[in-house]
Amino acid sequence: MKFEFVARHRGAWPVNVMCGVLGVSGSGFYACLTCPRSQHSLEDDVLGTHVRHSFLSSDRTYGARRVRHDVLELGMHCGLHRIERLMRTQALPARPRR
């Protein structure tokens, strides 16, 4: 997240200044530019699309537990906390019961 900010604004401010303010190393930023994305991150993208589809097809009523059951039925294995994190990052709040 911090490295993304530095990458977006590196034309406006020097990289070493932004890294110092954000508390990250400059070498870490440049290493992040050349490293490929991790397998877990790529799986999160695929899983996130399934989570979003399940949530929207339920008329925005399913919470993380029900979404997880839908994802498990598709044959993808994941934990409840991972589904909760993906729903939180995509801003998918379930409607509370009346």
PDB file of N, CA and C in Angstrom:
ATOM      1  N   MET A   1       0.816  -1.179   0.000  1.00  0.00           N
ATOM      2  CA  MET A   1       0.000   0.000   0.000  1.00  0.00           C
ATOM      3  C   MET A   1       0.872   1.260   0.000  1.00  0.00           C
ATOM      4  N   LYS A   2       1.889   1.263   0.836  1.00  0.00           N
ATOM      5  CA  LYS A   2       2.778   2.425   0.887  1.00  0.00           C
ATOM      6  C   LYS A   2       3.603   2.528  -0.378  1.00  0.00           C
ATOM      7  N   PHE A   3       4.047   1.370  -0.884  1.00  0.00           N
ATOM      8  CA  PHE A   3       4.833   1.386  -2.115  1.00  0.00           C
ATOM      9  C   PHE A   3       3.988   1.849  -3.299  1.00  0.00           C
ATOM     10  N   GLU A   4       2.706   1.528  -3.304  1.00  0.00           N
ATOM     11  CA  GLU A   4       1.821   2.000  -4.373  1.00  0.00           C
ATOM     12  C   GLU A   4       1.707   3.524  -4.337  1.00  0.00           C
ATOM     13  N   PHE A   5       1.619   4.065  -3.140  1.00  0.00           N
ATOM     14  CA  PHE A   5       1.557   5.518  -2.996  1.00  0.00           C
ATOM     15  C   PHE A   5       2.832   6.166  -3.530  1.00  0.00           C
ATOM     16  N   VAL A   6       3.977   5.592  -3.177  1.00  0.00           N
ATOM     17  CA  VAL A   6       5.250   6.144  -3.634  1.00  0.00           C
ATOM     18  C   VAL A   6       5.328   6.056  -5.162  1.00  0.00           C
ATOM     19  N   ALA A   7       4.871   4.945  -5.732  1.00  0.00           N
ATOM     20  CA  ALA A   7       4.939   4.771  -7.187  1.00  0.00           C
ATOM     21  C   ALA A   7       4.044   5.787  -7.905  1.00  0.00           C
ATOM     22  N   ARG A   8       2.885   6.069  -7.341  1.00  0.00           N
ATOM     23  CA  ARG A   8       1.966   7.018  -7.983  1.00  0.00           C
ATOM     24  C   ARG A   8       2.474   8.453  -7.915  1.00  0.00           C
ATOM     25  N   HIS A   9       3.163   8.808  -6.837  1.00  0.00           N
ATOM     26  CA  HIS A   9       3.557  10.199  -6.616  1.00  0.00           C
ATOM     27  C   HIS A   9       5.053  10.442  -6.789  1.00  0.00           C
ATOM     28  N   ARG A  10       5.776   9.525  -7.401  1.00  0.00           N
ATOM     29  CA  ARG A  10       7.216   9.700  -7.499  1.00  0.00           C
ATOM     30  C   ARG A  10       7.598  10.796  -8.476  1.00  0.00           C
ATOM     31  N   GLY A  11       6.691  11.258  -9.306  1.00  0.00           N
ATOM     32  CA  GLY A  11       6.979  12.383 -10.183  1.00  0.00           C
ATOM     33  C   GLY A  11       6.865  13.717  -9.461  1.00  0.00           C
ATOM     34  N   ALA A  12       6.076  13.761  -8.387  1.00  0.00           N
ATOM     35  CA  ALA A  12       5.860  15.007  -7.659  1.00  0.00           C
ATOM     36  C   ALA A  12       6.899  15.231  -6.563  1.00  0.00           C
ATOM     37  N   TRP A  13       7.297  14.163  -5.866  1.00  0.00           N
ATOM     38  CA  TRP A  13       8.260  14.285  -4.780  1.00  0.00           C
ATOM     39  C   TRP A  13       9.366  13.261  -4.961  1.00  0.00           C
ATOM     40  N   PRO A  14      10.526  13.500  -4.381  1.00  0.00           N
ATOM     41  CA  PRO A  14      11.607  12.518  -4.463  1.00  0.00           C
ATOM     42  C   PRO A  14      11.247  11.240  -3.703  1.00  0.00           C
ATOM     43  N   VAL A  15      11.709  10.119  -4.235  1.00  0.00           N
ATOM     44  CA  VAL A  15      11.384   8.817  -3.650  1.00  0.00           C
ATOM     45  C   VAL A  15      11.943   8.695  -2.245  1.00  0.00           C
ATOM     46  N   ASN A  16      13.167   9.156  -2.009  1.00  0.00           N
ATOM     47  CA  ASN A  16      13.762   9.003  -0.682  1.00  0.00           C
ATOM     48  C   ASN A  16      13.017   9.812   0.377  1.00  0.00           C
ATOM     49  N   VAL A  17      12.458  10.957  -0.006  1.00  0.00           N
ATOM     50  CA  VAL A  17      11.685  11.767   0.943  1.00  0.00           C
ATOM     51  C   VAL A  17      10.390  11.053   1.308  1.00  0.00           C
ATOM     52  N   MET A  18       9.690  10.556   0.302  1.00  0.00           N
ATOM     53  CA  MET A  18       8.425   9.862   0.577  1.00  0.00           C
ATOM     54  C   MET A  18       8.652   8.596   1.391  1.00  0.00           C
ATOM     55  N   CYS A  19       9.710   7.855   1.069  1.00  0.00           N
ATOM     56  CA  CYS A  19       9.996   6.640   1.826  1.00  0.00           C
ATOM     57  C   CYS A  19      10.332   6.965   3.279  1.00  0.00           C
ATOM     58  N   GLY A  20      11.055   8.065   3.488  1.00  0.00           N
ATOM     59  CA  GLY A  20      11.371   8.474   4.857  1.00  0.00           C
ATOM     60  C   GLY A  20      10.142   8.871   5.640  1.00  0.00           C
ATOM     61  N   VAL A  21       9.228   9.579   5.004  1.00  0.00           N
ATOM     62  CA  VAL A  21       8.002  10.007   5.679  1.00  0.00           C
ATOM     63  C   VAL A  21       7.109   8.801   5.991  1.00  0.00           C
ATOM     64  N   LEU A  22       7.037   7.860   5.051  1.00  0.00           N
ATOM     65  CA  LEU A  22       6.169   6.699   5.241  1.00  0.00           C
ATOM     66  C   LEU A  22       6.802   5.596   6.081  1.00  0.00           C
ATOM     67  N   GLY A  23       8.084   5.720   6.346  1.00  0.00           N
ATOM     68  CA  GLY A  23       8.759   4.743   7.198  1.00  0.00           C
ATOM     69  C   GLY A  23       9.117   3.453   6.488  1.00  0.00           C
ATOM     70  N   VAL A  24       9.385   3.517   5.186  1.00  0.00           N
ATOM     71  CA  VAL A  24       9.812   2.344   4.436  1.00  0.00           C
ATOM     72  C   VAL A  24      11.174   2.650   3.811  1.00  0.00           C
ATOM     73  N   SER A  25      11.853   1.598   3.380  1.00  0.00           N
ATOM     74  CA  SER A  25      13.176   1.809   2.799  1.00  0.00           C
ATOM     75  C   SER A  25      13.065   2.051   1.300  1.00  0.00           C
ATOM     76  N   GLY A  26      13.959   2.834   0.798  1.00  0.00           N
ATOM     77  CA  GLY A  26      13.996   3.104  -0.635  1.00  0.00           C
ATOM     78  C   GLY A  26      14.364   1.860  -1.425  1.00  0.00           C
ATOM     79  N   SER A  27      15.285   1.057  -0.870  1.00  0.00           N
ATOM     80  CA  SER A  27      15.671  -0.174  -1.560  1.00  0.00           C
ATOM     81  C   SER A  27      14.508  -1.153  -1.628  1.00  0.00           C
ATOM     82  N   GLY A  28      13.672  -1.159  -0.599  1.00  0.00           N
ATOM     83  CA  GLY A  28      12.480  -2.004  -0.624  1.00  0.00           C
ATOM     84  C   GLY A  28      11.503  -1.581  -1.701  1.00  0.00           C
ATOM     85  N   PHE A  29      11.397  -0.270  -1.909  1.00  0.00           N
ATOM     86  CA  PHE A  29      10.516   0.234  -2.959  1.00  0.00           C
ATOM     87  C   PHE A  29      11.013  -0.197  -4.329  1.00  0.00           C
ATOM     88  N   TYR A  30      12.293  -0.033  -4.594  1.00  0.00           N
ATOM     89  CA  TYR A  30      12.830  -0.403  -5.897  1.00  0.00           C
ATOM     90  C   TYR A  30      12.811  -1.921  -6.101  1.00  0.00           C
ATOM     91  N   ALA A  31      12.964  -2.697  -5.033  1.00  0.00           N
ATOM     92  CA  ALA A  31      12.858  -4.149  -5.145  1.00  0.00           C
ATOM     93  C   ALA A  31      11.421  -4.556  -5.460  1.00  0.00           C
ATOM     94  N   CYS A  32      10.469  -3.829  -4.915  1.00  0.00           N
ATOM     95  CA  CYS A  32       9.058  -4.120  -5.157  1.00  0.00           C
ATOM     96  C   CYS A  32       8.684  -3.884  -6.618  1.00  0.00           C
ATOM     97  N   LEU A  33       9.360  -2.962  -7.272  1.00  0.00           N
ATOM     98  CA  LEU A  33       9.066  -2.673  -8.676  1.00  0.00           C
ATOM     99  C   LEU A  33       9.434  -3.833  -9.595  1.00  0.00           C
ATOM    100  N   THR A  34      10.466  -4.592  -9.231  1.00  0.00           N
ATOM    101  CA  THR A  34      10.943  -5.658 -10.103  1.00  0.00           C
ATOM    102  C   THR A  34      10.411  -7.036  -9.732  1.00  0.00           C
ATOM    103  N   CYS A  35       9.854  -7.194  -8.548  1.00  0.00           N
ATOM    104  CA  CYS A  35       9.373  -8.503  -8.113  1.00  0.00           C
ATOM    105  C   CYS A  35       8.011  -8.807  -8.725  1.00  0.00           C
ATOM    106  N   PRO A  36       7.785 -10.070  -9.130  1.00  0.00           N
ATOM    107  CA  PRO A  36       6.447 -10.441  -9.601  1.00  0.00           C
ATOM    108  C   PRO A  36       5.498 -10.579  -8.420  1.00  0.00           C
ATOM    109  N   ARG A  37       4.212 -10.550  -8.710  1.00  0.00           N
ATOM    110  CA  ARG A  37       3.216 -10.704  -7.647  1.00  0.00           C
ATOM    111  C   ARG A  37       3.252 -12.125  -7.104  1.00  0.00           C
ATOM    112  N   SER A  38       2.921 -12.278  -5.838  1.00  0.00           N
ATOM    113  CA  SER A  38       2.955 -13.592  -5.209  1.00  0.00           C
ATOM    114  C   SER A  38       1.772 -14.443  -5.659  1.00  0.00           C
ATOM    115  N   GLN A  39       1.901 -15.741  -5.469  1.00  0.00           N
ATOM    116  CA  GLN A  39       0.831 -16.675  -5.833  1.00  0.00           C
ATOM    117  C   GLN A  39      -0.412 -16.402  -4.999  1.00  0.00           C
ATOM    118  N   HIS A  40      -0.236 -16.085  -3.735  1.00  0.00           N
ATOM    119  CA  HIS A  40      -1.367 -15.801  -2.849  1.00  0.00           C
ATOM    120  C   HIS A  40      -2.125 -14.570  -3.321  1.00  0.00           C
ATOM    121  N   SER A  41      -1.412 -13.566  -3.759  1.00  0.00           N
ATOM    122  CA  SER A  41      -2.050 -12.352  -4.263  1.00  0.00           C
ATOM    123  C   SER A  41      -2.832 -12.632  -5.545  1.00  0.00           C
ATOM    124  N   LEU A  42      -2.283 -13.448  -6.418  1.00  0.00           N
ATOM    125  CA  LEU A  42      -2.992 -13.811  -7.649  1.00  0.00           C
ATOM    126  C   LEU A  42      -4.243 -14.629  -7.345  1.00  0.00           C
ATOM    127  N   GLU A  43      -4.146 -15.528  -6.355  1.00  0.00           N
ATOM    128  CA  GLU A  43      -5.317 -16.317  -5.948  1.00  0.00           C
ATOM    129  C   GLU A  43      -6.371 -15.422  -5.318  1.00  0.00           C
ATOM    130  N   ASP A  44      -5.938 -14.385  -4.594  1.00  0.00           N
ATOM    131  CA  ASP A  44      -6.889 -13.448  -4.006  1.00  0.00           C
ATOM    132  C   ASP A  44      -7.704 -12.733  -5.078  1.00  0.00           C
ATOM    133  N   ASP A  45      -7.074 -12.424  -6.209  1.00  0.00           N
ATOM    134  CA  ASP A  45      -7.804 -11.772  -7.296  1.00  0.00           C
ATOM    135  C   ASP A  45      -8.898 -12.677  -7.847  1.00  0.00           C
ATOM    136  N   VAL A  46      -8.568 -13.950  -8.062  1.00  0.00           N
ATOM    137  CA  VAL A  46      -9.555 -14.901  -8.584  1.00  0.00           C
ATOM    138  C   VAL A  46     -10.654 -15.126  -7.555  1.00  0.00           C
ATOM    139  N   LEU A  47     -10.246 -15.328  -6.313  1.00  0.00           N
ATOM    140  CA  LEU A  47     -11.211 -15.560  -5.249  1.00  0.00           C
ATOM    141  C   LEU A  47     -12.079 -14.334  -5.017  1.00  0.00           C
ATOM    142  N   GLY A  48     -11.504 -13.153  -5.156  1.00  0.00           N
ATOM    143  CA  GLY A  48     -12.264 -11.922  -4.971  1.00  0.00           C
ATOM    144  C   GLY A  48     -13.377 -11.759  -5.980  1.00  0.00           C
ATOM    145  N   THR A  49     -13.158 -12.203  -7.220  1.00  0.00           N
ATOM    146  CA  THR A  49     -14.229 -12.125  -8.217  1.00  0.00           C
ATOM    147  C   THR A  49     -15.368 -13.060  -7.860  1.00  0.00           C
ATOM    148  N   HIS A  50     -15.052 -14.248  -7.347  1.00  0.00           N
ATOM    149  CA  HIS A  50     -16.100 -15.182  -6.926  1.00  0.00           C
ATOM    150  C   HIS A  50     -16.857 -14.650  -5.710  1.00  0.00           C
ATOM    151  N   VAL A  51     -16.123 -14.036  -4.789  1.00  0.00           N
ATOM    152  CA  VAL A  51     -16.760 -13.455  -3.602  1.00  0.00           C
ATOM    153  C   VAL A  51     -17.714 -12.343  -4.008  1.00  0.00           C
ATOM    154  N   ARG A  52     -17.269 -11.482  -4.897  1.00  0.00           N
ATOM    155  CA  ARG A  52     -18.112 -10.366  -5.354  1.00  0.00           C
ATOM    156  C   ARG A  52     -19.352 -10.874  -6.084  1.00  0.00           C
ATOM    157  N   HIS A  53     -19.183 -11.889  -6.935  1.00  0.00           N
ATOM    158  CA  HIS A  53     -20.322 -12.443  -7.673  1.00  0.00           C
ATOM    159  C   HIS A  53     -21.335 -13.070  -6.716  1.00  0.00           C
ATOM    160  N   SER A  54     -20.852 -13.826  -5.732  1.00  0.00           N
ATOM    161  CA  SER A  54     -21.753 -14.452  -4.761  1.00  0.00           C
ATOM    162  C   SER A  54     -22.500 -13.398  -3.956  1.00  0.00           C
ATOM    163  N   PHE A  55     -21.786 -12.359  -3.543  1.00  0.00           N
ATOM    164  CA  PHE A  55     -22.404 -11.308  -2.744  1.00  0.00           C
ATOM    165  C   PHE A  55     -23.460 -10.554  -3.540  1.00  0.00           C
ATOM    166  N   LEU A  56     -23.155 -10.208  -4.781  1.00  0.00           N
ATOM    167  CA  LEU A  56     -24.104  -9.443  -5.595  1.00  0.00           C
ATOM    168  C   LEU A  56     -25.286 -10.299  -6.033  1.00  0.00           C
ATOM    169  N   SER A  57     -25.066 -11.594  -6.260  1.00  0.00           N
ATOM    170  CA  SER A  57     -26.182 -12.454  -6.662  1.00  0.00           C
ATOM    171  C   SER A  57     -27.135 -12.718  -5.503  1.00  0.00           C
ATOM    172  N   SER A  58     -26.693 -12.489  -4.277  1.00  0.00           N
ATOM    173  CA  SER A  58     -27.564 -12.670  -3.121  1.00  0.00           C
ATOM    174  C   SER A  58     -28.309 -11.382  -2.777  1.00  0.00           C
ATOM    175  N   ASP A  59     -28.284 -10.418  -3.685  1.00  0.00           N
ATOM    176  CA  ASP A  59     -28.926  -9.114  -3.464  1.00  0.00           C
ATOM    177  C   ASP A  59     -28.292  -8.394  -2.275  1.00  0.00           C
ATOM    178  N   ARG A  60     -26.970  -8.547  -2.145  1.00  0.00           N
ATOM    179  CA  ARG A  60     -26.168  -7.881  -1.115  1.00  0.00           C
ATOM    180  C   ARG A  60     -26.573  -8.235   0.317  1.00  0.00           C
ATOM    181  N   THR A  61     -27.067  -9.453   0.505  1.00  0.00           N
ATOM    182  CA  THR A  61     -27.503  -9.843   1.843  1.00  0.00           C
ATOM    183  C   THR A  61     -26.564 -10.850   2.501  1.00  0.00           C
ATOM    184  N   TYR A  62     -25.783 -11.576   1.730  1.00  0.00           N
ATOM    185  CA  TYR A  62     -24.925 -12.616   2.297  1.00  0.00           C
ATOM    186  C   TYR A  62     -23.750 -12.004   3.039  1.00  0.00           C
ATOM    187  N   GLY A  63     -23.453 -12.602   4.177  1.00  0.00           N
ATOM    188  CA  GLY A  63     -22.260 -12.242   4.918  1.00  0.00           C
ATOM    189  C   GLY A  63     -21.117 -13.165   4.534  1.00  0.00           C
ATOM    190  N   ALA A  64     -20.039 -13.098   5.270  1.00  0.00           N
ATOM    191  CA  ALA A  64     -18.844 -13.858   4.927  1.00  0.00           C
ATOM    192  C   ALA A  64     -19.072 -15.368   5.026  1.00  0.00           C
ATOM    193  N   ARG A  65     -19.864 -15.801   5.977  1.00  0.00           N
ATOM    194  CA  ARG A  65     -20.093 -17.246   6.143  1.00  0.00           C
ATOM    195  C   ARG A  65     -20.837 -17.833   4.953  1.00  0.00           C
ATOM    196  N   ARG A  66     -21.897 -17.172   4.520  1.00  0.00           N
ATOM    197  CA  ARG A  66     -22.663 -17.691   3.391  1.00  0.00           C
ATOM    198  C   ARG A  66     -21.880 -17.572   2.089  1.00  0.00           C
ATOM    199  N   VAL A  67     -21.136 -16.498   1.948  1.00  0.00           N
ATOM    200  CA  VAL A  67     -20.297 -16.348   0.757  1.00  0.00           C
ATOM    201  C   VAL A  67     -19.249 -17.458   0.732  1.00  0.00           C
ATOM    202  N   ARG A  68     -18.705 -17.794   1.883  1.00  0.00           N
ATOM    203  CA  ARG A  68     -17.707 -18.868   1.956  1.00  0.00           C
ATOM    204  C   ARG A  68     -18.311 -20.195   1.525  1.00  0.00           C
ATOM    205  N   HIS A  69     -19.540 -20.466   1.921  1.00  0.00           N
ATOM    206  CA  HIS A  69     -20.187 -21.707   1.506  1.00  0.00           C
ATOM    207  C   HIS A  69     -20.362 -21.751  -0.010  1.00  0.00           C
ATOM    208  N   ASP A  70     -20.703 -20.624  -0.602  1.00  0.00           N
ATOM    209  CA  ASP A  70     -20.820 -20.571  -2.065  1.00  0.00           C
ATOM    210  C   ASP A  70     -19.474 -20.819  -2.738  1.00  0.00           C
ATOM    211  N   VAL A  71     -18.419 -20.251  -2.186  1.00  0.00           N
ATOM    212  CA  VAL A  71     -17.091 -20.424  -2.764  1.00  0.00           C
ATOM    213  C   VAL A  71     -16.628 -21.866  -2.606  1.00  0.00           C
ATOM    214  N   LEU A  72     -16.942 -22.493  -1.470  1.00  0.00           N
ATOM    215  CA  LEU A  72     -16.574 -23.890  -1.265  1.00  0.00           C
ATOM    216  C   LEU A  72     -17.313 -24.801  -2.235  1.00  0.00           C
ATOM    217  N   GLU A  73     -18.550 -24.457  -2.564  1.00  0.00           N
ATOM    218  CA  GLU A  73     -19.304 -25.254  -3.535  1.00  0.00           C
ATOM    219  C   GLU A  73     -18.678 -25.192  -4.921  1.00  0.00           C
ATOM    220  N   LEU A  74     -17.972 -24.101  -5.215  1.00  0.00           N
ATOM    221  CA  LEU A  74     -17.279 -23.981  -6.496  1.00  0.00           C
ATOM    222  C   LEU A  74     -15.989 -24.798  -6.530  1.00  0.00           C
ATOM    223  N   GLY A  75     -15.583 -25.336  -5.390  1.00  0.00           N
ATOM    224  CA  GLY A  75     -14.386 -26.162  -5.326  1.00  0.00           C
ATOM    225  C   GLY A  75     -13.142 -25.415  -4.909  1.00  0.00           C
ATOM    226  N   MET A  76     -13.282 -24.175  -4.513  1.00  0.00           N
ATOM    227  CA  MET A  76     -12.131 -23.397  -4.060  1.00  0.00           C
ATOM    228  C   MET A  76     -12.058 -23.482  -2.535  1.00  0.00           C
ATOM    229  N   HIS A  77     -10.884 -23.753  -2.018  1.00  0.00           N
ATOM    230  CA  HIS A  77     -10.708 -23.889  -0.578  1.00  0.00           C
ATOM    231  C   HIS A  77     -10.130 -22.601  -0.005  1.00  0.00           C
ATOM    232  N   CYS A  78     -10.783 -22.086   1.026  1.00  0.00           N
ATOM    233  CA  CYS A  78     -10.303 -20.874   1.688  1.00  0.00           C
ATOM    234  C   CYS A  78     -10.925 -20.808   3.075  1.00  0.00           C
ATOM    235  N   GLY A  79     -10.362 -19.970   3.904  1.00  0.00           N
ATOM    236  CA  GLY A  79     -10.846 -19.800   5.251  1.00  0.00           C
ATOM    237  C   GLY A  79     -11.808 -18.637   5.370  1.00  0.00           C
ATOM    238  N   LEU A  80     -12.501 -18.595   6.480  1.00  0.00           N
ATOM    239  CA  LEU A  80     -13.483 -17.550   6.729  1.00  0.00           C
ATOM    240  C   LEU A  80     -12.822 -16.185   6.842  1.00  0.00           C
ATOM    241  N   HIS A  81     -11.675 -16.119   7.502  1.00  0.00           N
ATOM    242  CA  HIS A  81     -11.001 -14.828   7.677  1.00  0.00           C
ATOM    243  C   HIS A  81     -10.521 -14.254   6.343  1.00  0.00           C
ATOM    244  N   ARG A  82     -10.165 -15.126   5.432  1.00  0.00           N
ATOM    245  CA  ARG A  82      -9.745 -14.658   4.118  1.00  0.00           C
ATOM    246  C   ARG A  82     -10.924 -14.048   3.358  1.00  0.00           C
ATOM    247  N   ILE A  83     -12.086 -14.687   3.453  1.00  0.00           N
ATOM    248  CA  ILE A  83     -13.301 -14.152   2.826  1.00  0.00           C
ATOM    249  C   ILE A  83     -13.664 -12.816   3.463  1.00  0.00           C
ATOM    250  N   GLU A  84     -13.573 -12.735   4.789  1.00  0.00           N
ATOM    251  CA  GLU A  84     -13.871 -11.482   5.478  1.00  0.00           C
ATOM    252  C   GLU A  84     -12.939 -10.371   5.016  1.00  0.00           C
ATOM    253  N   ARG A  85     -11.659 -10.685   4.867  1.00  0.00           N
ATOM    254  CA  ARG A  85     -10.691  -9.684   4.423  1.00  0.00           C
ATOM    255  C   ARG A  85     -10.987  -9.231   3.000  1.00  0.00           C
ATOM    256  N   LEU A  86     -11.305 -10.163   2.122  1.00  0.00           N
ATOM    257  CA  LEU A  86     -11.611  -9.803   0.741  1.00  0.00           C
ATOM    258  C   LEU A  86     -12.877  -8.963   0.651  1.00  0.00           C
ATOM    259  N   MET A  87     -13.879  -9.294   1.460  1.00  0.00           N
ATOM    260  CA  MET A  87     -15.111  -8.496   1.460  1.00  0.00           C
ATOM    261  C   MET A  87     -14.845  -7.097   2.007  1.00  0.00           C
ATOM    262  N   ARG A  88     -13.985  -7.009   3.006  1.00  0.00           N
ATOM    263  CA  ARG A  88     -13.675  -5.710   3.594  1.00  0.00           C
ATOM    264  C   ARG A  88     -12.905  -4.831   2.612  1.00  0.00           C
ATOM    265  N   THR A  89     -11.941  -5.414   1.890  1.00  0.00           N
ATOM    266  CA  THR A  89     -11.159  -4.617   0.950  1.00  0.00           C
ATOM    267  C   THR A  89     -11.974  -4.200  -0.265  1.00  0.00           C
ATOM    268  N   GLN A  90     -13.016  -4.968  -0.608  1.00  0.00           N
ATOM    269  CA  GLN A  90     -13.875  -4.609  -1.727  1.00  0.00           C
ATOM    270  C   GLN A  90     -15.083  -3.784  -1.293  1.00  0.00           C
ATOM    271  N   ALA A  91     -15.166  -3.485  -0.004  1.00  0.00           N
ATOM    272  CA  ALA A  91     -16.268  -2.707   0.574  1.00  0.00           C
ATOM    273  C   ALA A  91     -17.617  -3.359   0.253  1.00  0.00           C
ATOM    274  N   LEU A  92     -17.755  -4.615   0.702  1.00  0.00           N
ATOM    275  CA  LEU A  92     -18.994  -5.361   0.484  1.00  0.00           C
ATOM    276  C   LEU A  92     -19.658  -5.659   1.831  1.00  0.00           C
ATOM    277  N   PRO A  93     -20.336  -4.699   2.419  1.00  0.00           N
ATOM    278  CA  PRO A  93     -20.974  -4.962   3.716  1.00  0.00           C
ATOM    279  C   PRO A  93     -22.337  -5.634   3.525  1.00  0.00           C
ATOM    280  N   ALA A  94     -22.604  -6.661   4.289  1.00  0.00           N
ATOM    281  CA  ALA A  94     -23.898  -7.340   4.228  1.00  0.00           C
ATOM    282  C   ALA A  94     -24.937  -6.519   4.968  1.00  0.00           C
ATOM    283  N   ARG A  95     -26.176  -6.637   4.549  1.00  0.00           N
ATOM    284  CA  ARG A  95     -27.257  -5.934   5.238  1.00  0.00           C
ATOM    285  C   ARG A  95     -27.526  -6.623   6.563  1.00  0.00           C
ATOM    286  N   PRO A  96     -27.692  -5.875   7.621  1.00  0.00           N
ATOM    287  CA  PRO A  96     -28.015  -6.503   8.908  1.00  0.00           C
ATOM    288  C   PRO A  96     -29.452  -7.002   8.927  1.00  0.00           C
ATOM    289  N   ARG A  97     -29.703  -7.963   9.799  1.00  0.00           N
ATOM    290  CA  ARG A  97     -31.068  -8.480   9.957  1.00  0.00           C
ATOM    291  C   ARG A  97     -31.968  -7.422  10.540  1.00  0.00           C
ATOM    292  N   ARG A  98     -33.241  -7.543  10.230  1.00  0.00           N
ATOM    293  CA  ARG A  98     -34.193  -6.607  10.795  1.00  0.00           C
ATOM    294  C   ARG A  98     -34.616  -7.058  12.158  1.00  0.00           C
TER     295      ARG A  98
END
